[in-house]
Amino acid sequence: MTENLVAHQMVVDREQRSALKQQRPVVLWFTGLSGAGKSTIANALEQALLEHHRHTYLLDGDNMRLGLCNDLGFNDHDRTENIRRVAEVAKLLVDAGLIVVSAFISPFRLDRALARKVIGDEFFVEVYISTPLLECERRDPKGLYGKARSGMIKNFTGIDSSYEAPVSPDITINTLDEDVSTSVAKIMDFLVGRIEP
């Protein structure tokens, strides 16, 4: 199917786009259970980056599934395809010279490893939003855990579908001990020297 395709070589490259933005691109890949705080921290981080005049884009799990990935379900195969598509989008945004904040449950280690490979190890930062299942269920901001426990939702991560926590993430945020502002500061500190041109 791809035998007649040849990648078009662009005249303007990532280095030129990054230089124009006066930053080095990176993907901050947030992973964690539903309700862990990924989207909340991701939004706050993007605001902090904007205040520092950084060019960013936020990729959020629900938003992607409402658009580009709206043909996918939640079985293991579809979850893998969801992450593959997101990784390809993130790769394009890195090529555009952007700092990408990506908030996805991305429950499987193999899928996150594939995302790292697609995006490129030098541009990939795994951020584990570590929140215990009981706390995520207590928060249940979208009412999804209640629906999963009652059988209304199938293949729900943490209930009847597994979540494989990162073994050695680049950053770990423990939301029981670190509030949003502390979490953002921790990530910003990590980025010092990494996103400067």
N, C-alpha and C. Protein backbone atom coordinates (compact mmCIF):
# COMPACT_ATOMS: atom_id res chain seq x y z
N MET A 1 0.82 -1.20 0.00
CA MET A 1 0.00 0.00 0.00
C MET A 1 0.86 1.26 0.00
N THR A 2 2.05 1.21 0.60
CA THR A 2 2.90 2.41 0.65
C THR A 2 4.06 2.34 -0.33
N GLU A 3 4.08 1.30 -1.21
CA GLU A 3 5.25 1.12 -2.09
C GLU A 3 5.44 2.25 -3.09
N ASN A 4 4.39 3.00 -3.38
CA ASN A 4 4.50 4.11 -4.33
C ASN A 4 4.61 5.48 -3.66
N LEU A 5 4.82 5.47 -2.35
CA LEU A 5 4.94 6.73 -1.62
C LEU A 5 6.40 7.07 -1.38
N VAL A 6 6.73 8.32 -1.56
CA VAL A 6 8.09 8.81 -1.30
C VAL A 6 7.96 10.05 -0.42
N ALA A 7 8.65 10.07 0.70
CA ALA A 7 8.58 11.21 1.61
C ALA A 7 9.07 12.47 0.91
N HIS A 8 8.29 13.53 1.00
CA HIS A 8 8.67 14.82 0.41
C HIS A 8 9.67 15.51 1.33
N GLN A 9 10.77 15.94 0.76
CA GLN A 9 11.79 16.62 1.55
C GLN A 9 11.48 18.12 1.61
N MET A 10 11.26 18.61 2.83
CA MET A 10 10.93 20.02 3.03
C MET A 10 12.19 20.89 2.92
N VAL A 11 12.01 22.10 2.45
CA VAL A 11 13.12 23.06 2.40
C VAL A 11 13.35 23.64 3.79
N VAL A 12 12.24 23.96 4.49
CA VAL A 12 12.33 24.48 5.86
C VAL A 12 12.30 23.28 6.81
N ASP A 13 13.26 23.21 7.73
CA ASP A 13 13.33 22.05 8.62
C ASP A 13 13.03 22.41 10.07
N ARG A 14 13.05 21.40 10.93
CA ARG A 14 12.73 21.57 12.35
C ARG A 14 13.66 22.59 13.01
N GLU A 15 14.94 22.53 12.67
CA GLU A 15 15.89 23.44 13.30
C GLU A 15 15.56 24.89 12.98
N GLN A 16 15.16 25.17 11.75
CA GLN A 16 14.79 26.53 11.37
C GLN A 16 13.52 26.99 12.08
N ARG A 17 12.53 26.09 12.14
CA ARG A 17 11.28 26.43 12.82
C ARG A 17 11.52 26.67 14.30
N SER A 18 12.36 25.84 14.90
CA SER A 18 12.67 25.98 16.33
C SER A 18 13.43 27.27 16.59
N ALA A 19 14.37 27.60 15.70
CA ALA A 19 15.15 28.82 15.87
C ALA A 19 14.25 30.05 15.81
N LEU A 20 13.26 30.04 14.90
CA LEU A 20 12.32 31.14 14.79
C LEU A 20 11.54 31.32 16.10
N LYS A 21 11.22 30.22 16.75
CA LYS A 21 10.47 30.25 18.01
C LYS A 21 11.39 30.42 19.23
N GLN A 22 12.67 30.37 19.01
CA GLN A 22 13.67 30.50 20.08
C GLN A 22 13.46 29.48 21.19
N GLN A 23 13.28 28.23 20.77
CA GLN A 23 13.11 27.14 21.74
C GLN A 23 13.46 25.82 21.07
N ARG A 24 13.70 24.82 21.90
CA ARG A 24 13.87 23.46 21.39
C ARG A 24 12.59 22.68 21.67
N PRO A 25 12.11 21.92 20.68
CA PRO A 25 10.85 21.19 20.86
C PRO A 25 11.01 19.99 21.78
N VAL A 26 9.90 19.61 22.38
CA VAL A 26 9.87 18.44 23.25
C VAL A 26 8.42 17.99 23.40
N VAL A 27 8.22 16.71 23.68
CA VAL A 27 6.90 16.18 24.00
C VAL A 27 6.91 15.73 25.45
N LEU A 28 6.06 16.33 26.26
CA LEU A 28 5.86 15.90 27.64
C LEU A 28 4.67 14.96 27.63
N TRP A 29 4.94 13.65 27.76
CA TRP A 29 3.91 12.62 27.62
C TRP A 29 3.37 12.25 29.00
N PHE A 30 2.22 12.82 29.36
CA PHE A 30 1.59 12.53 30.65
C PHE A 30 0.85 11.20 30.56
N THR A 31 1.10 10.33 31.52
CA THR A 31 0.37 9.06 31.60
C THR A 31 -0.11 8.86 33.03
N GLY A 32 -1.24 8.19 33.19
CA GLY A 32 -1.81 7.93 34.51
C GLY A 32 -3.27 7.54 34.36
N LEU A 33 -3.84 7.09 35.43
CA LEU A 33 -5.23 6.65 35.41
C LEU A 33 -6.20 7.80 35.12
N SER A 34 -7.40 7.45 34.71
CA SER A 34 -8.46 8.45 34.57
C SER A 34 -8.69 9.09 35.94
N GLY A 35 -8.74 10.41 35.97
CA GLY A 35 -8.95 11.12 37.23
C GLY A 35 -7.67 11.37 38.01
N ALA A 36 -6.52 10.99 37.45
CA ALA A 36 -5.25 11.18 38.15
C ALA A 36 -4.86 12.65 38.25
N GLY A 37 -5.30 13.44 37.27
CA GLY A 37 -4.95 14.86 37.24
C GLY A 37 -4.15 15.26 36.03
N LYS A 38 -4.07 14.39 35.03
CA LYS A 38 -3.27 14.66 33.84
C LYS A 38 -3.69 15.95 33.14
N SER A 39 -4.96 16.05 32.81
CA SER A 39 -5.44 17.22 32.06
C SER A 39 -5.34 18.50 32.88
N THR A 40 -5.61 18.40 34.16
CA THR A 40 -5.52 19.58 35.04
C THR A 40 -4.10 20.12 35.08
N ILE A 41 -3.14 19.23 35.29
CA ILE A 41 -1.73 19.64 35.36
C ILE A 41 -1.25 20.08 33.99
N ALA A 42 -1.68 19.37 32.95
CA ALA A 42 -1.27 19.72 31.58
C ALA A 42 -1.73 21.13 31.22
N ASN A 43 -2.96 21.48 31.55
CA ASN A 43 -3.48 22.83 31.28
C ASN A 43 -2.68 23.88 32.03
N ALA A 44 -2.40 23.62 33.30
CA ALA A 44 -1.64 24.57 34.11
C ALA A 44 -0.21 24.72 33.59
N LEU A 45 0.37 23.60 33.14
CA LEU A 45 1.73 23.65 32.59
C LEU A 45 1.76 24.47 31.30
N GLU A 46 0.77 24.26 30.44
CA GLU A 46 0.76 25.03 29.19
C GLU A 46 0.62 26.52 29.49
N GLN A 47 -0.18 26.87 30.48
CA GLN A 47 -0.30 28.29 30.87
C GLN A 47 1.04 28.84 31.35
N ALA A 48 1.75 28.05 32.15
CA ALA A 48 3.06 28.48 32.66
C ALA A 48 4.05 28.65 31.51
N LEU A 49 4.04 27.74 30.57
CA LEU A 49 4.93 27.84 29.41
C LEU A 49 4.59 29.07 28.58
N LEU A 50 3.31 29.34 28.42
CA LEU A 50 2.87 30.52 27.67
C LEU A 50 3.37 31.81 28.35
N GLU A 51 3.32 31.83 29.67
CA GLU A 51 3.80 32.99 30.42
C GLU A 51 5.30 33.21 30.20
N HIS A 52 6.01 32.13 29.87
CA HIS A 52 7.44 32.22 29.57
C HIS A 52 7.69 32.37 28.06
N HIS A 53 6.63 32.73 27.33
CA HIS A 53 6.70 33.01 25.89
C HIS A 53 7.13 31.80 25.07
N ARG A 54 6.69 30.62 25.50
CA ARG A 54 6.98 29.39 24.77
C ARG A 54 5.81 29.05 23.85
N HIS A 55 6.14 28.47 22.71
CA HIS A 55 5.15 28.06 21.72
C HIS A 55 4.77 26.61 22.00
N THR A 56 3.50 26.38 22.30
CA THR A 56 3.06 25.07 22.79
C THR A 56 1.83 24.56 22.05
N TYR A 57 1.53 23.28 22.28
CA TYR A 57 0.24 22.73 21.90
C TYR A 57 -0.10 21.60 22.87
N LEU A 58 -1.35 21.56 23.31
CA LEU A 58 -1.81 20.54 24.24
C LEU A 58 -2.67 19.52 23.50
N LEU A 59 -2.24 18.26 23.57
CA LEU A 59 -3.02 17.14 23.03
C LEU A 59 -3.68 16.44 24.21
N ASP A 60 -5.00 16.36 24.20
CA ASP A 60 -5.73 15.75 25.32
C ASP A 60 -6.51 14.53 24.83
N GLY A 61 -6.54 13.50 25.66
CA GLY A 61 -7.16 12.23 25.29
C GLY A 61 -8.58 12.34 24.79
N ASP A 62 -9.46 12.97 25.57
CA ASP A 62 -10.86 13.08 25.17
C ASP A 62 -11.01 13.89 23.88
N ASN A 63 -10.26 14.98 23.77
CA ASN A 63 -10.35 15.82 22.57
C ASN A 63 -9.95 15.06 21.31
N MET A 64 -8.89 14.26 21.42
CA MET A 64 -8.44 13.47 20.26
C MET A 64 -9.47 12.42 19.89
N ARG A 65 -10.11 11.83 20.91
CA ARG A 65 -11.11 10.80 20.63
C ARG A 65 -12.41 11.40 20.09
N LEU A 66 -12.62 12.67 20.27
CA LEU A 66 -13.78 13.33 19.69
C LEU A 66 -13.55 13.71 18.23
N GLY A 67 -12.30 13.65 17.78
CA GLY A 67 -11.96 14.05 16.42
C GLY A 67 -11.21 12.97 15.68
N LEU A 68 -9.90 13.10 15.63
CA LEU A 68 -9.04 12.20 14.85
C LEU A 68 -9.25 10.73 15.17
N CYS A 69 -9.53 10.42 16.41
CA CYS A 69 -9.64 9.01 16.84
C CYS A 69 -11.07 8.61 17.18
N ASN A 70 -12.06 9.29 16.61
CA ASN A 70 -13.45 9.00 16.98
C ASN A 70 -13.98 7.70 16.41
N ASP A 71 -13.19 7.03 15.59
CA ASP A 71 -13.59 5.73 15.06
C ASP A 71 -13.07 4.57 15.91
N LEU A 72 -12.38 4.88 17.00
CA LEU A 72 -11.76 3.84 17.82
C LEU A 72 -12.55 3.58 19.10
N GLY A 73 -12.54 2.33 19.51
CA GLY A 73 -13.16 1.94 20.78
C GLY A 73 -12.11 1.87 21.88
N PHE A 74 -12.34 1.03 22.87
CA PHE A 74 -11.45 0.97 24.02
C PHE A 74 -10.91 -0.44 24.28
N ASN A 75 -10.99 -1.32 23.26
CA ASN A 75 -10.32 -2.61 23.42
C ASN A 75 -8.81 -2.38 23.27
N ASP A 76 -8.02 -3.40 23.57
CA ASP A 76 -6.57 -3.24 23.57
C ASP A 76 -6.04 -2.80 22.20
N HIS A 77 -6.56 -3.37 21.13
CA HIS A 77 -6.11 -3.02 19.78
C HIS A 77 -6.38 -1.55 19.48
N ASP A 78 -7.57 -1.09 19.80
CA ASP A 78 -7.93 0.31 19.52
C ASP A 78 -7.14 1.28 20.40
N ARG A 79 -6.87 0.88 21.63
CA ARG A 79 -6.04 1.73 22.50
C ARG A 79 -4.65 1.91 21.90
N THR A 80 -4.09 0.82 21.38
CA THR A 80 -2.77 0.89 20.76
C THR A 80 -2.79 1.79 19.53
N GLU A 81 -3.82 1.66 18.71
CA GLU A 81 -3.94 2.50 17.52
C GLU A 81 -4.14 3.97 17.90
N ASN A 82 -4.89 4.22 18.95
CA ASN A 82 -5.08 5.58 19.44
C ASN A 82 -3.74 6.23 19.78
N ILE A 83 -2.91 5.51 20.51
CA ILE A 83 -1.60 6.04 20.91
C ILE A 83 -0.68 6.19 19.71
N ARG A 84 -0.76 5.26 18.76
CA ARG A 84 0.06 5.38 17.54
C ARG A 84 -0.28 6.67 16.79
N ARG A 85 -1.56 6.95 16.64
CA ARG A 85 -1.98 8.17 15.93
C ARG A 85 -1.53 9.42 16.68
N VAL A 86 -1.70 9.40 17.99
CA VAL A 86 -1.30 10.56 18.79
C VAL A 86 0.20 10.80 18.68
N ALA A 87 0.97 9.71 18.70
CA ALA A 87 2.43 9.83 18.58
C ALA A 87 2.81 10.45 17.23
N GLU A 88 2.12 10.05 16.18
CA GLU A 88 2.42 10.62 14.86
C GLU A 88 2.08 12.11 14.80
N VAL A 89 0.97 12.49 15.44
CA VAL A 89 0.62 13.92 15.51
C VAL A 89 1.67 14.68 16.31
N ALA A 90 2.06 14.13 17.45
CA ALA A 90 3.07 14.78 18.29
C ALA A 90 4.39 14.94 17.54
N LYS A 91 4.73 13.94 16.75
CA LYS A 91 5.96 14.01 15.94
C LYS A 91 5.90 15.19 14.97
N LEU A 92 4.74 15.38 14.33
CA LEU A 92 4.58 16.52 13.42
C LEU A 92 4.71 17.85 14.15
N LEU A 93 4.15 17.91 15.36
CA LEU A 93 4.22 19.15 16.14
C LEU A 93 5.65 19.45 16.60
N VAL A 94 6.40 18.39 16.90
CA VAL A 94 7.83 18.56 17.22
C VAL A 94 8.56 19.10 15.99
N ASP A 95 8.22 18.57 14.82
CA ASP A 95 8.84 19.04 13.59
C ASP A 95 8.52 20.51 13.34
N ALA A 96 7.35 20.95 13.86
CA ALA A 96 6.97 22.36 13.75
C ALA A 96 7.69 23.23 14.77
N GLY A 97 8.45 22.59 15.68
CA GLY A 97 9.23 23.33 16.66
C GLY A 97 8.49 23.64 17.95
N LEU A 98 7.40 22.93 18.20
CA LEU A 98 6.56 23.21 19.37
C LEU A 98 6.93 22.38 20.59
N ILE A 99 6.55 22.89 21.75
CA ILE A 99 6.59 22.13 22.99
C ILE A 99 5.20 21.53 23.14
N VAL A 100 5.12 20.21 23.14
CA VAL A 100 3.85 19.50 23.13
C VAL A 100 3.58 18.90 24.50
N VAL A 101 2.41 19.20 25.04
CA VAL A 101 1.97 18.61 26.29
C VAL A 101 0.88 17.60 25.91
N SER A 102 1.13 16.33 26.19
CA SER A 102 0.27 15.25 25.74
C SER A 102 -0.29 14.51 26.95
N ALA A 103 -1.61 14.54 27.13
CA ALA A 103 -2.24 13.94 28.32
C ALA A 103 -3.14 12.78 27.91
N PHE A 104 -2.63 11.56 28.08
CA PHE A 104 -3.35 10.34 27.68
C PHE A 104 -3.13 9.27 28.74
N ILE A 105 -4.16 8.50 29.03
CA ILE A 105 -3.98 7.38 29.96
C ILE A 105 -2.84 6.51 29.47
N SER A 106 -2.83 6.20 28.18
CA SER A 106 -1.80 5.35 27.55
C SER A 106 -1.36 4.24 28.50
N PRO A 107 -2.26 3.26 28.74
CA PRO A 107 -2.06 2.31 29.82
C PRO A 107 -0.96 1.27 29.63
N PHE A 108 -0.51 1.07 28.39
CA PHE A 108 0.42 -0.03 28.15
C PHE A 108 1.85 0.47 27.92
N ARG A 109 2.80 -0.14 28.60
CA ARG A 109 4.22 0.25 28.47
C ARG A 109 4.70 0.14 27.03
N LEU A 110 4.29 -0.91 26.35
CA LEU A 110 4.73 -1.12 24.97
C LEU A 110 4.27 0.02 24.07
N ASP A 111 3.05 0.51 24.28
CA ASP A 111 2.53 1.62 23.48
C ASP A 111 3.30 2.91 23.77
N ARG A 112 3.63 3.13 25.05
CA ARG A 112 4.41 4.33 25.38
C ARG A 112 5.82 4.24 24.81
N ALA A 113 6.38 3.03 24.78
CA ALA A 113 7.70 2.83 24.18
C ALA A 113 7.63 3.10 22.67
N LEU A 114 6.53 2.68 22.03
CA LEU A 114 6.35 2.95 20.61
C LEU A 114 6.23 4.45 20.37
N ALA A 115 5.49 5.15 21.23
CA ALA A 115 5.37 6.60 21.10
C ALA A 115 6.74 7.26 21.20
N ARG A 116 7.55 6.81 22.15
CA ARG A 116 8.90 7.36 22.31
C ARG A 116 9.72 7.13 21.04
N LYS A 117 9.58 5.94 20.45
CA LYS A 117 10.33 5.61 19.24
C LYS A 117 9.87 6.46 18.06
N VAL A 118 8.55 6.63 17.90
CA VAL A 118 8.00 7.43 16.80
C VAL A 118 8.44 8.89 16.92
N ILE A 119 8.31 9.43 18.11
CA ILE A 119 8.62 10.85 18.35
C ILE A 119 10.12 11.10 18.35
N GLY A 120 10.86 10.14 18.88
CA GLY A 120 12.32 10.28 19.01
C GLY A 120 12.69 10.44 20.46
N ASP A 121 13.59 9.61 20.93
CA ASP A 121 13.97 9.60 22.34
C ASP A 121 14.41 10.97 22.85
N GLU A 122 15.12 11.72 22.02
CA GLU A 122 15.65 13.01 22.46
C GLU A 122 14.54 14.05 22.68
N PHE A 123 13.35 13.79 22.13
CA PHE A 123 12.25 14.75 22.25
C PHE A 123 11.15 14.28 23.21
N PHE A 124 11.33 13.11 23.81
CA PHE A 124 10.25 12.47 24.58
C PHE A 124 10.56 12.49 26.07
N VAL A 125 9.63 13.05 26.85
CA VAL A 125 9.75 13.07 28.31
C VAL A 125 8.49 12.41 28.88
N GLU A 126 8.68 11.28 29.55
CA GLU A 126 7.55 10.57 30.14
C GLU A 126 7.27 11.14 31.54
N VAL A 127 6.04 11.61 31.73
CA VAL A 127 5.63 12.19 33.00
C VAL A 127 4.52 11.31 33.59
N TYR A 128 4.84 10.64 34.67
CA TYR A 128 3.87 9.74 35.31
C TYR A 128 3.09 10.50 36.37
N ILE A 129 1.81 10.67 36.14
CA ILE A 129 0.94 11.30 37.12
C ILE A 129 0.44 10.17 38.02
N SER A 130 1.14 10.00 39.12
CA SER A 130 0.94 8.86 40.01
C SER A 130 -0.13 9.17 41.05
N THR A 131 -1.30 8.62 40.83
CA THR A 131 -2.43 8.78 41.75
C THR A 131 -3.05 7.40 41.97
N PRO A 132 -3.18 6.95 43.21
CA PRO A 132 -3.74 5.61 43.46
C PRO A 132 -5.16 5.49 42.92
N LEU A 133 -5.50 4.27 42.54
CA LEU A 133 -6.84 4.00 41.98
C LEU A 133 -7.95 4.46 42.92
N LEU A 134 -7.79 4.21 44.22
CA LEU A 134 -8.84 4.59 45.18
C LEU A 134 -9.07 6.10 45.18
N GLU A 135 -7.99 6.86 45.04
CA GLU A 135 -8.11 8.32 44.99
C GLU A 135 -8.77 8.76 43.68
N CYS A 136 -8.39 8.12 42.57
CA CYS A 136 -9.02 8.45 41.29
C CYS A 136 -10.51 8.15 41.34
N GLU A 137 -10.87 7.03 41.96
CA GLU A 137 -12.29 6.69 42.10
C GLU A 137 -13.01 7.68 43.00
N ARG A 138 -12.33 8.13 44.04
CA ARG A 138 -12.94 9.10 44.95
C ARG A 138 -13.22 10.40 44.21
N ARG A 139 -12.26 10.83 43.39
CA ARG A 139 -12.44 12.06 42.62
C ARG A 139 -13.51 11.87 41.55
N ASP A 140 -13.34 10.83 40.74
CA ASP A 140 -14.26 10.47 39.65
C ASP A 140 -14.92 11.69 39.00
N PRO A 141 -14.11 12.62 38.44
CA PRO A 141 -14.65 13.89 37.94
C PRO A 141 -15.69 13.75 36.83
N LYS A 142 -15.63 12.66 36.09
CA LYS A 142 -16.56 12.49 34.97
C LYS A 142 -17.62 11.42 35.26
N GLY A 143 -17.58 10.85 36.46
CA GLY A 143 -18.54 9.80 36.82
C GLY A 143 -18.30 8.48 36.12
N LEU A 144 -17.09 8.29 35.58
CA LEU A 144 -16.80 7.11 34.78
C LEU A 144 -16.54 5.86 35.63
N TYR A 145 -15.90 6.06 36.78
CA TYR A 145 -15.63 4.89 37.63
C TYR A 145 -16.94 4.27 38.12
N GLY A 146 -17.88 5.13 38.49
CA GLY A 146 -19.17 4.64 38.93
C GLY A 146 -19.86 3.84 37.83
N LYS A 147 -19.78 4.34 36.60
CA LYS A 147 -20.37 3.63 35.47
C LYS A 147 -19.65 2.32 35.20
N ALA A 148 -18.32 2.33 35.34
CA ALA A 148 -17.54 1.11 35.10
C ALA A 148 -17.85 0.06 36.17
N ARG A 149 -17.95 0.50 37.42
CA ARG A 149 -18.24 -0.44 38.51
C ARG A 149 -19.64 -1.05 38.36
N SER A 150 -20.55 -0.30 37.78
CA SER A 150 -21.92 -0.81 37.60
C SER A 150 -22.08 -1.62 36.31
N GLY A 151 -20.99 -1.70 35.52
CA GLY A 151 -21.04 -2.48 34.28
C GLY A 151 -21.50 -1.70 33.07
N MET A 152 -21.75 -0.40 33.23
CA MET A 152 -22.21 0.42 32.10
C MET A 152 -21.10 0.71 31.10
N ILE A 153 -19.84 0.70 31.57
CA ILE A 153 -18.69 0.93 30.71
C ILE A 153 -17.79 -0.30 30.79
N LYS A 154 -17.40 -0.83 29.64
CA LYS A 154 -16.50 -1.98 29.58
C LYS A 154 -15.10 -1.52 29.20
N ASN A 155 -14.10 -2.34 29.52
CA ASN A 155 -12.69 -2.07 29.20
C ASN A 155 -12.21 -0.74 29.80
N PHE A 156 -12.61 -0.49 31.04
CA PHE A 156 -12.22 0.76 31.69
C PHE A 156 -10.92 0.55 32.45
N THR A 157 -9.94 1.38 32.16
CA THR A 157 -8.61 1.23 32.76
C THR A 157 -8.68 1.31 34.28
N GLY A 158 -8.06 0.32 34.91
CA GLY A 158 -8.03 0.26 36.37
C GLY A 158 -9.13 -0.59 36.96
N ILE A 159 -10.19 -0.84 36.16
CA ILE A 159 -11.32 -1.66 36.63
C ILE A 159 -11.30 -3.02 35.94
N ASP A 160 -11.59 -3.05 34.65
CA ASP A 160 -11.53 -4.33 33.94
C ASP A 160 -10.55 -4.30 32.77
N SER A 161 -9.68 -3.30 32.76
CA SER A 161 -8.57 -3.22 31.82
C SER A 161 -7.35 -2.72 32.60
N SER A 162 -6.21 -3.31 32.32
CA SER A 162 -5.04 -3.05 33.17
C SER A 162 -4.37 -1.71 32.85
N TYR A 163 -3.67 -1.20 33.85
CA TYR A 163 -2.79 -0.04 33.67
C TYR A 163 -1.39 -0.45 34.10
N GLU A 164 -0.43 -0.30 33.21
CA GLU A 164 0.96 -0.65 33.49
C GLU A 164 1.73 0.63 33.79
N ALA A 165 2.00 0.85 35.06
CA ALA A 165 2.70 2.06 35.47
C ALA A 165 4.11 2.09 34.90
N PRO A 166 4.63 3.26 34.58
CA PRO A 166 6.01 3.36 34.08
C PRO A 166 7.01 2.80 35.09
N VAL A 167 8.03 2.15 34.58
CA VAL A 167 9.08 1.59 35.44
C VAL A 167 10.08 2.66 35.84
N SER A 168 10.48 3.49 34.88
CA SER A 168 11.44 4.55 35.17
C SER A 168 11.09 5.81 34.38
N PRO A 169 10.01 6.48 34.78
CA PRO A 169 9.60 7.71 34.08
C PRO A 169 10.64 8.82 34.28
N ASP A 170 10.63 9.78 33.38
CA ASP A 170 11.54 10.91 33.51
C ASP A 170 11.14 11.80 34.68
N ILE A 171 9.83 11.92 34.90
CA ILE A 171 9.29 12.73 36.00
C ILE A 171 8.13 11.95 36.62
N THR A 172 8.06 11.94 37.94
CA THR A 172 6.91 11.37 38.63
C THR A 172 6.25 12.46 39.46
N ILE A 173 4.95 12.62 39.28
CA ILE A 173 4.18 13.57 40.07
C ILE A 173 3.24 12.76 40.96
N ASN A 174 3.40 12.90 42.25
CA ASN A 174 2.51 12.22 43.21
C ASN A 174 1.46 13.23 43.65
N THR A 175 0.26 13.10 43.12
CA THR A 175 -0.76 14.13 43.37
C THR A 175 -1.32 14.10 44.79
N LEU A 176 -0.99 13.07 45.57
CA LEU A 176 -1.40 13.07 46.97
C LEU A 176 -0.52 14.02 47.79
N ASP A 177 0.71 14.22 47.32
CA ASP A 177 1.67 15.06 48.05
C ASP A 177 1.98 16.38 47.35
N GLU A 178 1.74 16.44 46.03
CA GLU A 178 2.11 17.62 45.25
C GLU A 178 0.86 18.22 44.61
N ASP A 179 0.59 19.48 44.92
CA ASP A 179 -0.56 20.14 44.31
C ASP A 179 -0.21 20.57 42.88
N VAL A 180 -1.15 21.20 42.21
CA VAL A 180 -0.96 21.55 40.80
C VAL A 180 0.22 22.50 40.62
N SER A 181 0.30 23.55 41.43
CA SER A 181 1.38 24.52 41.27
C SER A 181 2.74 23.90 41.55
N THR A 182 2.83 23.03 42.54
CA THR A 182 4.08 22.33 42.84
C THR A 182 4.46 21.40 41.69
N SER A 183 3.46 20.73 41.13
CA SER A 183 3.70 19.81 40.01
C SER A 183 4.22 20.57 38.79
N VAL A 184 3.60 21.69 38.50
CA VAL A 184 4.03 22.50 37.35
C VAL A 184 5.46 23.01 37.57
N ALA A 185 5.74 23.48 38.76
CA ALA A 185 7.09 23.98 39.07
C ALA A 185 8.13 22.87 38.89
N LYS A 186 7.78 21.67 39.31
CA LYS A 186 8.69 20.52 39.19
C LYS A 186 9.00 20.23 37.72
N ILE A 187 7.98 20.27 36.88
CA ILE A 187 8.19 20.02 35.45
C ILE A 187 8.97 21.16 34.81
N MET A 188 8.64 22.38 35.17
CA MET A 188 9.36 23.54 34.62
C MET A 188 10.84 23.47 35.00
N ASP A 189 11.13 23.08 36.22
CA ASP A 189 12.53 22.93 36.66
C ASP A 189 13.26 21.88 35.81
N PHE A 190 12.54 20.78 35.51
CA PHE A 190 13.13 19.73 34.68
C PHE A 190 13.47 20.25 33.29
N LEU A 191 12.65 21.16 32.78
CA LEU A 191 12.82 21.66 31.42
C LEU A 191 13.93 22.70 31.27
N VAL A 192 14.40 23.23 32.40
CA VAL A 192 15.48 24.23 32.34
C VAL A 192 16.69 23.62 31.65
N GLY A 193 17.18 24.29 30.61
CA GLY A 193 18.32 23.79 29.86
C GLY A 193 17.93 22.82 28.75
N ARG A 194 16.67 22.38 28.76
CA ARG A 194 16.24 21.41 27.76
C ARG A 194 15.50 22.07 26.60
N ILE A 195 14.80 23.16 26.87
CA ILE A 195 14.01 23.79 25.81
C ILE A 195 14.63 25.09 25.32
N GLU A 196 15.71 25.55 25.97
CA GLU A 196 16.38 26.75 25.48
C GLU A 196 17.13 26.43 24.19
N PRO A 197 17.16 27.38 23.25
CA PRO A 197 17.84 27.14 21.96
C PRO A 197 19.34 26.98 22.13
